[in-house]
Amino acid sequence: MGNVMASSGVLPESVIDPLRAVLPRAVLRNATRIGEGSGSVAYLVPDQSGDWAVRIPRAEADWAIPALEREARLLPALAKY
């Protein structure tokens, strides 16, 4: 399928199909790289229902996946704030 070019970055090919599955209205070709850390790279992904900030773990940072899973469990508790 190839890489999807973003205006200031490229979404990794490995995340295109999973993103399309959960964000079918997202305009992946317009994703923008907005930041990075030691464990992940963040992209702003435009969507008709509202933009998404998507963090993708770095391949070399296998420790990042459990950290992101912990964060995902915390988010519902913060939703009301």
N, C-alpha and C. Protein backbone atom coordinates (compact mmCIF):
# COMPACT_ATOMS: atom_id res chain seq x y z
N MET A 1 0.81 -1.19 0.00
CA MET A 1 0.00 0.00 0.00
C MET A 1 0.85 1.25 0.00
N GLY A 2 2.04 1.19 0.59
CA GLY A 2 2.93 2.35 0.61
C GLY A 2 2.66 3.24 1.80
N ASN A 3 3.50 4.25 1.93
CA ASN A 3 3.34 5.22 3.01
C ASN A 3 2.31 6.27 2.62
N VAL A 4 1.63 6.81 3.59
CA VAL A 4 0.72 7.92 3.37
C VAL A 4 1.49 9.18 3.75
N MET A 5 1.69 10.05 2.79
CA MET A 5 2.43 11.27 3.05
C MET A 5 1.58 12.23 3.86
N ALA A 6 2.17 12.81 4.85
CA ALA A 6 1.51 13.85 5.63
C ALA A 6 2.17 15.18 5.29
N SER A 7 1.53 16.25 5.67
CA SER A 7 2.06 17.56 5.29
C SER A 7 3.42 17.82 5.92
N SER A 8 3.70 17.24 7.07
CA SER A 8 5.02 17.42 7.65
C SER A 8 5.52 16.12 8.28
N GLY A 9 5.16 15.00 7.69
CA GLY A 9 5.59 13.71 8.19
C GLY A 9 4.91 12.60 7.42
N VAL A 10 5.26 11.39 7.73
CA VAL A 10 4.69 10.23 7.04
C VAL A 10 4.15 9.27 8.08
N LEU A 11 2.90 8.87 7.90
CA LEU A 11 2.36 7.81 8.76
C LEU A 11 3.00 6.50 8.34
N PRO A 12 3.47 5.72 9.28
CA PRO A 12 4.05 4.42 8.92
C PRO A 12 3.02 3.53 8.24
N GLU A 13 3.46 2.81 7.24
CA GLU A 13 2.56 1.93 6.49
C GLU A 13 1.84 0.95 7.39
N SER A 14 2.50 0.49 8.44
CA SER A 14 1.91 -0.52 9.32
C SER A 14 0.69 -0.02 10.09
N VAL A 15 0.47 1.28 10.16
CA VAL A 15 -0.68 1.79 10.92
C VAL A 15 -1.84 2.23 10.03
N ILE A 16 -1.65 2.22 8.72
CA ILE A 16 -2.69 2.71 7.82
C ILE A 16 -3.97 1.89 7.94
N ASP A 17 -3.89 0.58 7.78
CA ASP A 17 -5.09 -0.26 7.85
C ASP A 17 -5.75 -0.20 9.23
N PRO A 18 -5.00 -0.29 10.34
CA PRO A 18 -5.66 -0.18 11.65
C PRO A 18 -6.34 1.18 11.85
N LEU A 19 -5.71 2.25 11.38
CA LEU A 19 -6.34 3.57 11.51
C LEU A 19 -7.60 3.67 10.67
N ARG A 20 -7.55 3.15 9.45
CA ARG A 20 -8.75 3.17 8.60
C ARG A 20 -9.89 2.36 9.22
N ALA A 21 -9.56 1.28 9.92
CA ALA A 21 -10.58 0.43 10.54
C ALA A 21 -11.33 1.17 11.65
N VAL A 22 -10.62 1.97 12.43
CA VAL A 22 -11.26 2.64 13.56
C VAL A 22 -11.64 4.09 13.27
N LEU A 23 -11.02 4.67 12.25
CA LEU A 23 -11.31 6.06 11.87
C LEU A 23 -11.62 6.11 10.37
N PRO A 24 -12.74 5.54 9.95
CA PRO A 24 -13.00 5.42 8.51
C PRO A 24 -13.15 6.75 7.79
N ARG A 25 -13.45 7.82 8.51
CA ARG A 25 -13.61 9.14 7.87
C ARG A 25 -12.35 10.00 7.97
N ALA A 26 -11.32 9.46 8.59
CA ALA A 26 -10.08 10.22 8.74
C ALA A 26 -9.42 10.45 7.39
N VAL A 27 -8.81 11.62 7.27
CA VAL A 27 -8.09 11.97 6.04
C VAL A 27 -6.60 11.71 6.33
N LEU A 28 -6.22 10.46 6.19
CA LEU A 28 -4.87 10.05 6.58
C LEU A 28 -3.79 10.75 5.79
N ARG A 29 -4.06 11.09 4.55
CA ARG A 29 -3.04 11.76 3.73
C ARG A 29 -2.74 13.16 4.25
N ASN A 30 -3.63 13.71 5.10
CA ASN A 30 -3.42 15.04 5.67
C ASN A 30 -2.90 15.00 7.10
N ALA A 31 -2.52 13.82 7.57
CA ALA A 31 -1.98 13.72 8.92
C ALA A 31 -0.70 14.55 9.01
N THR A 32 -0.50 15.12 10.19
CA THR A 32 0.67 15.96 10.42
C THR A 32 1.42 15.47 11.64
N ARG A 33 2.70 15.31 11.51
CA ARG A 33 3.53 14.93 12.66
C ARG A 33 3.59 16.13 13.60
N ILE A 34 3.19 15.93 14.85
CA ILE A 34 3.12 17.05 15.78
C ILE A 34 4.10 16.95 16.94
N GLY A 35 4.75 15.82 17.09
CA GLY A 35 5.72 15.70 18.16
C GLY A 35 6.25 14.29 18.29
N GLU A 36 7.23 14.14 19.14
CA GLU A 36 7.80 12.82 19.38
C GLU A 36 8.46 12.78 20.73
N GLY A 37 8.53 11.59 21.25
CA GLY A 37 9.21 11.34 22.51
C GLY A 37 10.10 10.13 22.36
N SER A 38 10.64 9.66 23.45
CA SER A 38 11.54 8.52 23.35
C SER A 38 10.80 7.23 23.00
N GLY A 39 9.49 7.18 23.27
CA GLY A 39 8.75 5.95 23.03
C GLY A 39 7.75 5.99 21.90
N SER A 40 7.39 7.19 21.41
CA SER A 40 6.36 7.26 20.37
C SER A 40 6.49 8.54 19.55
N VAL A 41 5.77 8.53 18.42
CA VAL A 41 5.67 9.70 17.55
C VAL A 41 4.20 10.07 17.49
N ALA A 42 3.88 11.35 17.61
CA ALA A 42 2.49 11.82 17.62
C ALA A 42 2.14 12.48 16.30
N TYR A 43 0.92 12.20 15.85
CA TYR A 43 0.39 12.78 14.62
C TYR A 43 -0.98 13.38 14.90
N LEU A 44 -1.29 14.47 14.22
CA LEU A 44 -2.64 15.01 14.21
C LEU A 44 -3.31 14.46 12.97
N VAL A 45 -4.40 13.72 13.18
CA VAL A 45 -5.11 13.08 12.08
C VAL A 45 -6.48 13.75 11.93
N PRO A 46 -6.70 14.47 10.82
CA PRO A 46 -7.99 15.12 10.62
C PRO A 46 -9.09 14.10 10.35
N ASP A 47 -10.26 14.37 10.93
CA ASP A 47 -11.41 13.48 10.77
C ASP A 47 -12.65 14.36 10.71
N GLN A 48 -13.66 13.91 9.97
CA GLN A 48 -14.89 14.69 9.84
C GLN A 48 -15.58 14.92 11.17
N SER A 49 -15.43 13.99 12.10
CA SER A 49 -16.08 14.12 13.40
C SER A 49 -15.21 14.86 14.42
N GLY A 50 -14.02 15.25 14.02
CA GLY A 50 -13.08 15.94 14.92
C GLY A 50 -11.71 15.33 14.78
N ASP A 51 -10.70 16.15 14.92
CA ASP A 51 -9.33 15.68 14.76
C ASP A 51 -8.91 14.77 15.91
N TRP A 52 -7.97 13.89 15.59
CA TRP A 52 -7.43 12.95 16.56
C TRP A 52 -5.93 13.19 16.73
N ALA A 53 -5.46 13.11 17.96
CA ALA A 53 -4.03 13.03 18.22
C ALA A 53 -3.73 11.55 18.39
N VAL A 54 -2.87 11.05 17.53
CA VAL A 54 -2.56 9.62 17.51
C VAL A 54 -1.08 9.45 17.82
N ARG A 55 -0.79 8.65 18.84
CA ARG A 55 0.61 8.35 19.17
C ARG A 55 0.91 6.93 18.73
N ILE A 56 1.99 6.80 18.00
CA ILE A 56 2.40 5.51 17.47
C ILE A 56 3.71 5.12 18.14
N PRO A 57 3.73 3.97 18.81
CA PRO A 57 4.96 3.55 19.48
C PRO A 57 6.10 3.34 18.48
N ARG A 58 7.28 3.71 18.89
CA ARG A 58 8.48 3.46 18.07
C ARG A 58 8.79 1.96 18.12
N ALA A 59 9.22 1.44 16.98
CA ALA A 59 9.53 0.00 16.90
C ALA A 59 10.61 -0.39 17.90
N GLU A 60 11.56 0.49 18.12
CA GLU A 60 12.68 0.15 19.00
C GLU A 60 12.35 0.37 20.48
N ALA A 61 11.17 0.88 20.77
CA ALA A 61 10.77 1.17 22.15
C ALA A 61 9.68 0.20 22.58
N ASP A 62 10.03 -1.07 22.74
CA ASP A 62 9.02 -2.07 23.10
C ASP A 62 8.38 -1.78 24.46
N TRP A 63 9.05 -1.03 25.31
CA TRP A 63 8.49 -0.66 26.60
C TRP A 63 7.34 0.34 26.47
N ALA A 64 7.23 1.01 25.32
CA ALA A 64 6.22 2.07 25.15
C ALA A 64 4.79 1.51 25.08
N ILE A 65 4.62 0.31 24.59
CA ILE A 65 3.28 -0.24 24.44
C ILE A 65 2.59 -0.40 25.80
N PRO A 66 3.20 -1.01 26.80
CA PRO A 66 2.54 -1.08 28.10
C PRO A 66 2.27 0.31 28.69
N ALA A 67 3.16 1.27 28.44
CA ALA A 67 2.94 2.63 28.94
C ALA A 67 1.71 3.25 28.28
N LEU A 68 1.54 3.06 26.98
CA LEU A 68 0.36 3.59 26.29
C LEU A 68 -0.91 2.87 26.73
N GLU A 69 -0.82 1.57 27.00
CA GLU A 69 -1.98 0.83 27.51
C GLU A 69 -2.41 1.35 28.88
N ARG A 70 -1.44 1.67 29.73
CA ARG A 70 -1.77 2.25 31.05
C ARG A 70 -2.45 3.60 30.87
N GLU A 71 -1.93 4.40 29.95
CA GLU A 71 -2.53 5.71 29.69
C GLU A 71 -3.97 5.56 29.18
N ALA A 72 -4.21 4.59 28.31
CA ALA A 72 -5.56 4.37 27.78
C ALA A 72 -6.54 4.01 28.90
N ARG A 73 -6.08 3.28 29.90
CA ARG A 73 -6.95 2.95 31.04
C ARG A 73 -7.25 4.18 31.90
N LEU A 74 -6.37 5.15 31.91
CA LEU A 74 -6.54 6.36 32.70
C LEU A 74 -7.49 7.36 32.04
N LEU A 75 -7.53 7.40 30.73
CA LEU A 75 -8.29 8.42 30.01
C LEU A 75 -9.78 8.49 30.38
N PRO A 76 -10.49 7.37 30.54
CA PRO A 76 -11.90 7.49 30.92
C PRO A 76 -12.11 8.23 32.24
N ALA A 77 -11.19 8.09 33.17
CA ALA A 77 -11.31 8.78 34.45
C ALA A 77 -11.12 10.29 34.28
N LEU A 78 -10.42 10.71 33.24
CA LEU A 78 -10.16 12.13 33.02
C LEU A 78 -11.18 12.77 32.07
N ALA A 79 -12.05 11.97 31.49
CA ALA A 79 -12.97 12.47 30.46
C ALA A 79 -13.90 13.57 30.96
N LYS A 80 -14.24 13.57 32.22
CA LYS A 80 -15.18 14.58 32.73
C LYS A 80 -14.52 15.92 33.02
N TYR A 81 -13.20 16.01 32.89
CA TYR A 81 -12.50 17.26 33.21
C TYR A 81 -12.19 18.07 32.00
